[in-house]
PDB file of N, CA and C in Angstrom:
ATOM      1  N   MET A   1      -3.832 -22.282  63.857  1.00  0.00           N
ATOM      2  CA  MET A   1      -4.148 -22.356  65.269  1.00  0.00           C
ATOM      3  C   MET A   1      -5.588 -22.828  65.439  1.00  0.00           C
ATOM      4  N   SER A   2      -5.831 -23.510  66.489  1.00  0.00           N
ATOM      5  CA  SER A   2      -7.193 -23.938  66.765  1.00  0.00           C
ATOM      6  C   SER A   2      -7.729 -23.146  67.951  1.00  0.00           C
ATOM      7  N   TYR A   3      -9.010 -23.292  68.182  1.00  0.00           N
ATOM      8  CA  TYR A   3      -9.695 -22.609  69.274  1.00  0.00           C
ATOM      9  C   TYR A   3      -8.954 -22.806  70.596  1.00  0.00           C
ATOM     10  N   ASN A   4      -8.456 -24.007  70.832  1.00  0.00           N
ATOM     11  CA  ASN A   4      -7.789 -24.319  72.101  1.00  0.00           C
ATOM     12  C   ASN A   4      -6.445 -23.637  72.264  1.00  0.00           C
ATOM     13  N   ASP A   5      -5.891 -23.081  71.177  1.00  0.00           N
ATOM     14  CA  ASP A   5      -4.593 -22.405  71.244  1.00  0.00           C
ATOM     15  C   ASP A   5      -4.703 -20.990  71.815  1.00  0.00           C
ATOM     16  N   TYR A   6      -5.902 -20.490  72.005  1.00  0.00           N
ATOM     17  CA  TYR A   6      -6.104 -19.122  72.456  1.00  0.00           C
ATOM     18  C   TYR A   6      -6.513 -19.093  73.923  1.00  0.00           C
ATOM     19  N   GLU A   7      -6.104 -18.026  74.583  1.00  0.00           N
ATOM     20  CA  GLU A   7      -6.534 -17.798  75.947  1.00  0.00           C
ATOM     21  C   GLU A   7      -8.000 -17.360  75.921  1.00  0.00           C
ATOM     22  N   ASP A   8      -8.737 -17.624  76.990  1.00  0.00           N
ATOM     23  CA  ASP A   8     -10.140 -17.198  77.058  1.00  0.00           C
ATOM     24  C   ASP A   8     -10.283 -15.694  76.885  1.00  0.00           C
ATOM     25  N   ASP A   9      -9.285 -14.930  77.345  1.00  0.00           N
ATOM     26  CA  ASP A   9      -9.344 -13.472  77.240  1.00  0.00           C
ATOM     27  C   ASP A   9      -9.297 -13.009  75.783  1.00  0.00           C
ATOM     28  N   ASP A  10      -8.772 -13.846  74.891  1.00  0.00           N
ATOM     29  CA  ASP A  10      -8.651 -13.482  73.484  1.00  0.00           C
ATOM     30  C   ASP A  10      -9.922 -13.782  72.696  1.00  0.00           C
ATOM     31  N   ILE A  11     -10.874 -14.512  73.286  1.00  0.00           N
ATOM     32  CA  ILE A  11     -12.091 -14.916  72.588  1.00  0.00           C
ATOM     33  C   ILE A  11     -13.225 -13.939  72.911  1.00  0.00           C
ATOM     34  N   VAL A  12     -13.856 -13.453  71.851  1.00  0.00           N
ATOM     35  CA  VAL A  12     -15.006 -12.561  71.978  1.00  0.00           C
ATOM     36  C   VAL A  12     -16.174 -13.268  71.303  1.00  0.00           C
ATOM     37  N   THR A  13     -17.285 -13.421  72.020  1.00  0.00           N
ATOM     38  CA  THR A  13     -18.474 -14.042  71.446  1.00  0.00           C
ATOM     39  C   THR A  13     -19.477 -12.953  71.129  1.00  0.00           C
ATOM     40  N   LEU A  14     -19.860 -12.872  69.852  1.00  0.00           N
ATOM     41  CA  LEU A  14     -20.808 -11.863  69.404  1.00  0.00           C
ATOM     42  C   LEU A  14     -22.054 -12.545  68.858  1.00  0.00           C
ATOM     43  N   MET A  15     -23.154 -11.820  68.862  1.00  0.00           N
ATOM     44  CA  MET A  15     -24.417 -12.325  68.358  1.00  0.00           C
ATOM     45  C   MET A  15     -24.636 -11.782  66.949  1.00  0.00           C
ATOM     46  N   SER A  16     -24.918 -12.670  66.012  1.00  0.00           N
ATOM     47  CA  SER A  16     -25.188 -12.235  64.638  1.00  0.00           C
ATOM     48  C   SER A  16     -26.609 -11.665  64.564  1.00  0.00           C
ATOM     49  N   ALA A  17     -26.937 -11.075  63.433  1.00  0.00           N
ATOM     50  CA  ALA A  17     -28.259 -10.479  63.239  1.00  0.00           C
ATOM     51  C   ALA A  17     -29.370 -11.519  63.359  1.00  0.00           C
ATOM     52  N   ASP A  18     -29.059 -12.778  63.039  1.00  0.00           N
ATOM     53  CA  ASP A  18     -30.081 -13.828  63.131  1.00  0.00           C
ATOM     54  C   ASP A  18     -30.025 -14.590  64.456  1.00  0.00           C
ATOM     55  N   GLY A  19     -29.292 -14.040  65.441  1.00  0.00           N
ATOM     56  CA  GLY A  19     -29.286 -14.611  66.784  1.00  0.00           C
ATOM     57  C   GLY A  19     -28.272 -15.722  67.010  1.00  0.00           C
ATOM     58  N   GLU A  20     -27.405 -15.971  66.048  1.00  0.00           N
ATOM     59  CA  GLU A  20     -26.387 -17.004  66.183  1.00  0.00           C
ATOM     60  C   GLU A  20     -25.164 -16.444  66.903  1.00  0.00           C
ATOM     61  N   GLU A  21     -24.639 -17.199  67.874  1.00  0.00           N
ATOM     62  CA  GLU A  21     -23.410 -16.792  68.555  1.00  0.00           C
ATOM     63  C   GLU A  21     -22.212 -17.159  67.695  1.00  0.00           C
ATOM     64  N   ILE A  22     -21.285 -16.200  67.527  1.00  0.00           N
ATOM     65  CA  ILE A  22     -20.081 -16.428  66.737  1.00  0.00           C
ATOM     66  C   ILE A  22     -18.877 -16.050  67.596  1.00  0.00           C
ATOM     67  N   ASP A  23     -17.926 -16.978  67.714  1.00  0.00           N
ATOM     68  CA  ASP A  23     -16.697 -16.728  68.474  1.00  0.00           C
ATOM     69  C   ASP A  23     -15.647 -16.117  67.560  1.00  0.00           C
ATOM     70  N   PHE A  24     -14.994 -15.074  68.079  1.00  0.00           N
ATOM     71  CA  PHE A  24     -13.912 -14.412  67.364  1.00  0.00           C
ATOM     72  C   PHE A  24     -12.682 -14.392  68.247  1.00  0.00           C
ATOM     73  N   VAL A  25     -11.517 -14.374  67.622  1.00  0.00           N
ATOM     74  CA  VAL A  25     -10.254 -14.162  68.313  1.00  0.00           C
ATOM     75  C   VAL A  25      -9.910 -12.696  68.139  1.00  0.00           C
ATOM     76  N   GLU A  26      -9.612 -12.034  69.248  1.00  0.00           N
ATOM     77  CA  GLU A  26      -9.212 -10.631  69.155  1.00  0.00           C
ATOM     78  C   GLU A  26      -7.743 -10.571  68.770  1.00  0.00           C
ATOM     79  N   ILE A  27      -7.495 -10.059  67.559  1.00  0.00           N
ATOM     80  CA  ILE A  27      -6.136  -9.952  67.037  1.00  0.00           C
ATOM     81  C   ILE A  27      -5.446  -8.722  67.615  1.00  0.00           C
ATOM     82  N   ALA A  28      -6.180  -7.596  67.661  1.00  0.00           N
ATOM     83  CA  ALA A  28      -5.578  -6.361  68.162  1.00  0.00           C
ATOM     84  C   ALA A  28      -6.666  -5.348  68.488  1.00  0.00           C
ATOM     85  N   GLY A  29      -6.315  -4.445  69.385  1.00  0.00           N
ATOM     86  CA  GLY A  29      -7.126  -3.258  69.659  1.00  0.00           C
ATOM     87  C   GLY A  29      -6.360  -2.057  69.123  1.00  0.00           C
ATOM     88  N   ILE A  30      -7.013  -1.243  68.315  1.00  0.00           N
ATOM     89  CA  ILE A  30      -6.344  -0.126  67.655  1.00  0.00           C
ATOM     90  C   ILE A  30      -7.108   1.164  67.940  1.00  0.00           C
ATOM     91  N   ALA A  31      -6.385   2.181  68.389  1.00  0.00           N
ATOM     92  CA  ALA A  31      -6.979   3.508  68.558  1.00  0.00           C
ATOM     93  C   ALA A  31      -6.798   4.262  67.247  1.00  0.00           C
ATOM     94  N   TYR A  32      -7.896   4.864  66.756  1.00  0.00           N
ATOM     95  CA  TYR A  32      -7.837   5.629  65.522  1.00  0.00           C
ATOM     96  C   TYR A  32      -8.798   6.804  65.620  1.00  0.00           C
ATOM     97  N   LYS A  33      -8.258   8.000  65.470  1.00  0.00           N
ATOM     98  CA  LYS A  33      -9.037   9.239  65.535  1.00  0.00           C
ATOM     99  C   LYS A  33      -9.931   9.297  66.778  1.00  0.00           C
ATOM    100  N   GLY A  34      -9.343   8.950  67.908  1.00  0.00           N
ATOM    101  CA  GLY A  34     -10.039   9.062  69.184  1.00  0.00           C
ATOM    102  C   GLY A  34     -11.059   7.977  69.460  1.00  0.00           C
ATOM    103  N   LYS A  35     -11.141   6.981  68.613  1.00  0.00           N
ATOM    104  CA  LYS A  35     -12.081   5.883  68.822  1.00  0.00           C
ATOM    105  C   LYS A  35     -11.303   4.579  68.881  1.00  0.00           C
ATOM    106  N   MET A  36     -11.909   3.586  69.515  1.00  0.00           N
ATOM    107  CA  MET A  36     -11.271   2.275  69.629  1.00  0.00           C
ATOM    108  C   MET A  36     -11.890   1.308  68.629  1.00  0.00           C
ATOM    109  N   TYR A  37     -11.013   0.530  68.020  1.00  0.00           N
ATOM    110  CA  TYR A  37     -11.439  -0.493  67.074  1.00  0.00           C
ATOM    111  C   TYR A  37     -10.778  -1.801  67.461  1.00  0.00           C
ATOM    112  N   ALA A  38     -11.444  -2.891  67.158  1.00  0.00           N
ATOM    113  CA  ALA A  38     -10.882  -4.217  67.397  1.00  0.00           C
ATOM    114  C   ALA A  38     -10.801  -4.954  66.067  1.00  0.00           C
ATOM    115  N   ILE A  39      -9.677  -5.596  65.852  1.00  0.00           N
ATOM    116  CA  ILE A  39      -9.535  -6.476  64.694  1.00  0.00           C
ATOM    117  C   ILE A  39      -9.830  -7.881  65.206  1.00  0.00           C
ATOM    118  N   LEU A  40     -10.890  -8.464  64.682  1.00  0.00           N
ATOM    119  CA  LEU A  40     -11.341  -9.780  65.130  1.00  0.00           C
ATOM    120  C   LEU A  40     -11.343 -10.757  63.961  1.00  0.00           C
ATOM    121  N   GLN A  41     -10.947 -11.979  64.270  1.00  0.00           N
ATOM    122  CA  GLN A  41     -10.963 -13.041  63.266  1.00  0.00           C
ATOM    123  C   GLN A  41     -11.875 -14.152  63.782  1.00  0.00           C
ATOM    124  N   PRO A  42     -12.826 -14.612  62.952  1.00  0.00           N
ATOM    125  CA  PRO A  42     -13.717 -15.675  63.424  1.00  0.00           C
ATOM    126  C   PRO A  42     -12.942 -16.959  63.705  1.00  0.00           C
ATOM    127  N   VAL A  43     -13.314 -17.647  64.788  1.00  0.00           N
ATOM    128  CA  VAL A  43     -12.676 -18.914  65.130  1.00  0.00           C
ATOM    129  C   VAL A  43     -12.958 -19.930  64.025  1.00  0.00           C
ATOM    130  N   GLU A  44     -14.206 -19.947  63.546  1.00  0.00           N
ATOM    131  CA  GLU A  44     -14.576 -20.792  62.410  1.00  0.00           C
ATOM    132  C   GLU A  44     -14.884 -19.859  61.250  1.00  0.00           C
ATOM    133  N   LEU A  45     -14.350 -20.160  60.080  1.00  0.00           N
ATOM    134  CA  LEU A  45     -14.515 -19.294  58.922  1.00  0.00           C
ATOM    135  C   LEU A  45     -15.985 -19.019  58.632  1.00  0.00           C
ATOM    136  N   LEU A  46     -16.265 -17.760  58.321  1.00  0.00           N
ATOM    137  CA  LEU A  46     -17.598 -17.361  57.900  1.00  0.00           C
ATOM    138  C   LEU A  46     -17.676 -17.499  56.384  1.00  0.00           C
ATOM    139  N   ASP A  47     -18.878 -17.659  55.879  1.00  0.00           N
ATOM    140  CA  ASP A  47     -19.061 -17.787  54.431  1.00  0.00           C
ATOM    141  C   ASP A  47     -18.407 -16.627  53.705  1.00  0.00           C
ATOM    142  N   GLY A  48     -17.615 -16.944  52.688  1.00  0.00           N
ATOM    143  CA  GLY A  48     -16.986 -15.924  51.867  1.00  0.00           C
ATOM    144  C   GLY A  48     -15.685 -15.371  52.408  1.00  0.00           C
ATOM    145  N   MET A  49     -15.220 -15.859  53.554  1.00  0.00           N
ATOM    146  CA  MET A  49     -13.973 -15.357  54.139  1.00  0.00           C
ATOM    147  C   MET A  49     -12.839 -16.352  53.919  1.00  0.00           C
ATOM    148  N   ASP A  50     -11.648 -15.803  53.687  1.00  0.00           N
ATOM    149  CA  ASP A  50     -10.442 -16.626  53.632  1.00  0.00           C
ATOM    150  C   ASP A  50      -9.891 -16.774  55.048  1.00  0.00           C
ATOM    151  N   ASP A  51      -9.046 -17.775  55.257  1.00  0.00           N
ATOM    152  CA  ASP A  51      -8.547 -18.037  56.610  1.00  0.00           C
ATOM    153  C   ASP A  51      -7.602 -16.971  57.144  1.00  0.00           C
ATOM    154  N   ASP A  52      -7.119 -16.073  56.277  1.00  0.00           N
ATOM    155  CA  ASP A  52      -6.243 -15.008  56.771  1.00  0.00           C
ATOM    156  C   ASP A  52      -6.961 -13.660  56.876  1.00  0.00           C
ATOM    157  N   GLU A  53      -8.268 -13.649  56.682  1.00  0.00           N
ATOM    158  CA  GLU A  53      -9.027 -12.402  56.760  1.00  0.00           C
ATOM    159  C   GLU A  53      -9.511 -12.138  58.182  1.00  0.00           C
ATOM    160  N   ALA A  54      -9.678 -10.866  58.479  1.00  0.00           N
ATOM    161  CA  ALA A  54     -10.206 -10.440  59.770  1.00  0.00           C
ATOM    162  C   ALA A  54     -11.169  -9.286  59.527  1.00  0.00           C
ATOM    163  N   LEU A  55     -11.971  -8.981  60.520  1.00  0.00           N
ATOM    164  CA  LEU A  55     -12.961  -7.915  60.434  1.00  0.00           C
ATOM    165  C   LEU A  55     -12.630  -6.816  61.432  1.00  0.00           C
ATOM    166  N   VAL A  56     -13.040  -5.601  61.114  1.00  0.00           N
ATOM    167  CA  VAL A  56     -12.832  -4.469  62.011  1.00  0.00           C
ATOM    168  C   VAL A  56     -14.163  -4.119  62.662  1.00  0.00           C
ATOM    169  N   PHE A  57     -14.128  -3.990  63.990  1.00  0.00           N
ATOM    170  CA  PHE A  57     -15.301  -3.614  64.763  1.00  0.00           C
ATOM    171  C   PHE A  57     -15.003  -2.339  65.544  1.00  0.00           C
ATOM    172  N   LYS A  58     -15.951  -1.426  65.566  1.00  0.00           N
ATOM    173  CA  LYS A  58     -15.860  -0.233  66.417  1.00  0.00           C
ATOM    174  C   LYS A  58     -16.265  -0.674  67.821  1.00  0.00           C
ATOM    175  N   VAL A  59     -15.483  -0.263  68.810  1.00  0.00           N
ATOM    176  CA  VAL A  59     -15.727  -0.677  70.189  1.00  0.00           C
ATOM    177  C   VAL A  59     -16.193   0.531  70.999  1.00  0.00           C
ATOM    178  N   THR A  60     -17.345   0.399  71.619  1.00  0.00           N
ATOM    179  CA  THR A  60     -17.868   1.418  72.524  1.00  0.00           C
ATOM    180  C   THR A  60     -18.218   0.729  73.836  1.00  0.00           C
ATOM    181  N   GLN A  61     -18.467   1.523  74.852  1.00  0.00           N
ATOM    182  CA  GLN A  61     -18.859   0.945  76.139  1.00  0.00           C
ATOM    183  C   GLN A  61     -20.281   1.359  76.462  1.00  0.00           C
ATOM    184  N   ASN A  62     -21.045   0.394  77.015  1.00  0.00           N
ATOM    185  CA  ASN A  62     -22.399   0.724  77.446  1.00  0.00           C
ATOM    186  C   ASN A  62     -22.361   1.316  78.851  1.00  0.00           C
ATOM    187  N   ARG A  63     -23.500   1.592  79.396  1.00  0.00           N
ATOM    188  CA  ARG A  63     -23.569   2.224  80.736  1.00  0.00           C
ATOM    189  C   ARG A  63     -22.942   1.383  81.830  1.00  0.00           C
ATOM    190  N   ASP A  64     -22.933   0.066  81.637  1.00  0.00           N
ATOM    191  CA  ASP A  64     -22.363  -0.835  82.638  1.00  0.00           C
ATOM    192  C   ASP A  64     -20.857  -1.016  82.463  1.00  0.00           C
ATOM    193  N   GLY A  65     -20.279  -0.307  81.484  1.00  0.00           N
ATOM    194  CA  GLY A  65     -18.850  -0.416  81.239  1.00  0.00           C
ATOM    195  C   GLY A  65     -18.457  -1.626  80.407  1.00  0.00           C
ATOM    196  N   GLU A  66     -19.446  -2.336  79.871  1.00  0.00           N
ATOM    197  CA  GLU A  66     -19.158  -3.496  79.029  1.00  0.00           C
ATOM    198  C   GLU A  66     -18.910  -3.036  77.602  1.00  0.00           C
ATOM    199  N   ASP A  67     -18.015  -3.734  76.908  1.00  0.00           N
ATOM    200  CA  ASP A  67     -17.703  -3.392  75.526  1.00  0.00           C
ATOM    201  C   ASP A  67     -18.816  -3.831  74.589  1.00  0.00           C
ATOM    202  N   ASN A  68     -19.144  -2.950  73.652  1.00  0.00           N
ATOM    203  CA  ASN A  68     -20.060  -3.265  72.560  1.00  0.00           C
ATOM    204  C   ASN A  68     -19.247  -3.254  71.276  1.00  0.00           C
ATOM    205  N   PHE A  69     -19.475  -4.230  70.423  1.00  0.00           N
ATOM    206  CA  PHE A  69     -18.754  -4.344  69.165  1.00  0.00           C
ATOM    207  C   PHE A  69     -19.736  -4.143  68.016  1.00  0.00           C
ATOM    208  N   GLU A  70     -19.428  -3.189  67.143  1.00  0.00           N
ATOM    209  CA  GLU A  70     -20.270  -2.916  65.985  1.00  0.00           C
ATOM    210  C   GLU A  70     -19.401  -3.025  64.733  1.00  0.00           C
ATOM    211  N   ILE A  71     -19.832  -3.869  63.790  1.00  0.00           N
ATOM    212  CA  ILE A  71     -19.038  -4.069  62.581  1.00  0.00           C
ATOM    213  C   ILE A  71     -18.836  -2.737  61.870  1.00  0.00           C
ATOM    214  N   GLU A  72     -17.595  -2.457  61.484  1.00  0.00           N
ATOM    215  CA  GLU A  72     -17.280  -1.220  60.762  1.00  0.00           C
ATOM    216  C   GLU A  72     -17.507  -1.466  59.276  1.00  0.00           C
ATOM    217  N   THR A  73     -18.224  -0.564  58.629  1.00  0.00           N
ATOM    218  CA  THR A  73     -18.528  -0.723  57.200  1.00  0.00           C
ATOM    219  C   THR A  73     -17.861   0.329  56.326  1.00  0.00           C
ATOM    220  N   ASP A  74     -17.252   1.346  56.934  1.00  0.00           N
ATOM    221  CA  ASP A  74     -16.592   2.402  56.172  1.00  0.00           C
ATOM    222  C   ASP A  74     -15.217   1.904  55.720  1.00  0.00           C
ATOM    223  N   ASP A  75     -15.063   1.717  54.405  1.00  0.00           N
ATOM    224  CA  ASP A  75     -13.805   1.176  53.872  1.00  0.00           C
ATOM    225  C   ASP A  75     -12.595   2.024  54.227  1.00  0.00           C
ATOM    226  N   ASP A  76     -12.765   3.345  54.277  1.00  0.00           N
ATOM    227  CA  ASP A  76     -11.636   4.216  54.622  1.00  0.00           C
ATOM    228  C   ASP A  76     -11.160   3.960  56.046  1.00  0.00           C
ATOM    229  N   ILE A  77     -12.096   3.792  56.966  1.00  0.00           N
ATOM    230  CA  ILE A  77     -11.732   3.509  58.360  1.00  0.00           C
ATOM    231  C   ILE A  77     -11.111   2.125  58.468  1.00  0.00           C
ATOM    232  N   ILE A  78     -11.697   1.152  57.794  1.00  0.00           N
ATOM    233  CA  ILE A  78     -11.150  -0.212  57.827  1.00  0.00           C
ATOM    234  C   ILE A  78      -9.704  -0.212  57.333  1.00  0.00           C
ATOM    235  N   ASP A  79      -9.470   0.447  56.194  1.00  0.00           N
ATOM    236  CA  ASP A  79      -8.109   0.514  55.652  1.00  0.00           C
ATOM    237  C   ASP A  79      -7.159   1.207  56.621  1.00  0.00           C
ATOM    238  N   ALA A  80      -7.604   2.309  57.234  1.00  0.00           N
ATOM    239  CA  ALA A  80      -6.751   3.056  58.162  1.00  0.00           C
ATOM    240  C   ALA A  80      -6.423   2.232  59.404  1.00  0.00           C
ATOM    241  N   VAL A  81      -7.395   1.475  59.912  1.00  0.00           N
ATOM    242  CA  VAL A  81      -7.163   0.633  61.091  1.00  0.00           C
ATOM    243  C   VAL A  81      -6.134  -0.451  60.760  1.00  0.00           C
ATOM    244  N   PHE A  82      -6.273  -1.093  59.596  1.00  0.00           N
ATOM    245  CA  PHE A  82      -5.295  -2.111  59.209  1.00  0.00           C
ATOM    246  C   PHE A  82      -3.917  -1.495  58.968  1.00  0.00           C
ATOM    247  N   GLU A  83      -3.866  -0.294  58.396  1.00  0.00           N
ATOM    248  CA  GLU A  83      -2.581   0.387  58.202  1.00  0.00           C
ATOM    249  C   GLU A  83      -1.906   0.655  59.543  1.00  0.00           C
ATOM    250  N   GLU A  84      -2.678   1.113  60.517  1.00  0.00           N
ATOM    251  CA  GLU A  84      -2.126   1.377  61.853  1.00  0.00           C
ATOM    252  C   GLU A  84      -1.642   0.078  62.491  1.00  0.00           C
ATOM    253  N   TYR A  85      -2.416  -0.977  62.350  1.00  0.00           N
ATOM    254  CA  TYR A  85      -2.030  -2.286  62.873  1.00  0.00           C
ATOM    255  C   TYR A  85      -0.702  -2.737  62.254  1.00  0.00           C
ATOM    256  N   ASN A  86      -0.581  -2.633  60.932  1.00  0.00           N
ATOM    257  CA  ASN A  86       0.657  -3.030  60.248  1.00  0.00           C
ATOM    258  C   ASN A  86       1.830  -2.152  60.663  1.00  0.00           C
ATOM    259  N   ARG A  87       1.582  -0.847  60.872  1.00  0.00           N
ATOM    260  CA  ARG A  87       2.641   0.058  61.326  1.00  0.00           C
ATOM    261  C   ARG A  87       3.135  -0.362  62.709  1.00  0.00           C
ATOM    262  N   LEU A  88       2.208  -0.683  63.591  1.00  0.00           N
ATOM    263  CA  LEU A  88       2.590  -1.114  64.943  1.00  0.00           C
ATOM    264  C   LEU A  88       3.358  -2.437  64.906  1.00  0.00           C
ATOM    265  N   LEU A  89       2.953  -3.347  64.020  1.00  0.00           N
ATOM    266  CA  LEU A  89       3.693  -4.601  63.872  1.00  0.00           C
ATOM    267  C   LEU A  89       5.122  -4.345  63.402  1.00  0.00           C
ATOM    268  N   ASP A  90       5.258  -3.449  62.411  1.00  0.00           N
ATOM    269  CA  ASP A  90       6.588  -3.111  61.897  1.00  0.00           C
ATOM    270  C   ASP A  90       7.461  -2.515  62.990  1.00  0.00           C
ATOM    271  N   GLU A  91       6.875  -1.624  63.800  1.00  0.00           N
ATOM    272  CA  GLU A  91       7.634  -1.010  64.916  1.00  0.00           C
ATOM    273  C   GLU A  91       8.083  -2.075  65.901  1.00  0.00           C
ATOM    274  N   ALA A  92       7.206  -3.010  66.225  1.00  0.00           N
ATOM    275  CA  ALA A  92       7.542  -4.052  67.192  1.00  0.00           C
ATOM    276  C   ALA A  92       8.659  -4.935  66.653  1.00  0.00           C
ATOM    277  N   GLU A  93       8.622  -5.233  65.363  1.00  0.00           N
ATOM    278  CA  GLU A  93       9.671  -6.071  64.767  1.00  0.00           C
ATOM    279  C   GLU A  93      11.011  -5.342  64.773  1.00  0.00           C
ATOM    280  N   GLU A  94      11.005  -4.025  64.531  1.00  0.00           N
ATOM    281  CA  GLU A  94      12.232  -3.243  64.530  1.00  0.00           C
ATOM    282  C   GLU A  94      12.859  -3.185  65.915  1.00  0.00           C
ATOM    283  N   GLU A  95      12.033  -3.208  66.966  1.00  0.00           N
ATOM    284  CA  GLU A  95      12.550  -3.139  68.331  1.00  0.00           C
ATOM    285  C   GLU A  95      13.191  -4.448  68.774  1.00  0.00           C
ATOM    286  N   GLN A  96      12.879  -5.531  68.081  1.00  0.00           N
ATOM    287  CA  GLN A  96      13.419  -6.828  68.517  1.00  0.00           C
ATOM    288  C   GLN A  96      14.792  -7.051  68.015  1.00  0.00           C
TER     289      GLN A  96
END
């Protein structure tokens, strides 16, 4: 898929540590242990990433109600979020 294949609502633009804007496609929002996480895939591959890889971000809201995305670094949480995502996909396929 290319950038143009996605709806604007699916694109999240985040700022890297060095001030570069990076566009991501939001693959899914996952609730885990009372917190919200987003699985995001960069529109353009980042160094060291394969085209089927995605990143997990913890989602919080600031005072203005806007979403803040913070890269998740805890491997246990990352694995659990992907497991939940795969479980939900399996459930959706079974319902069809």
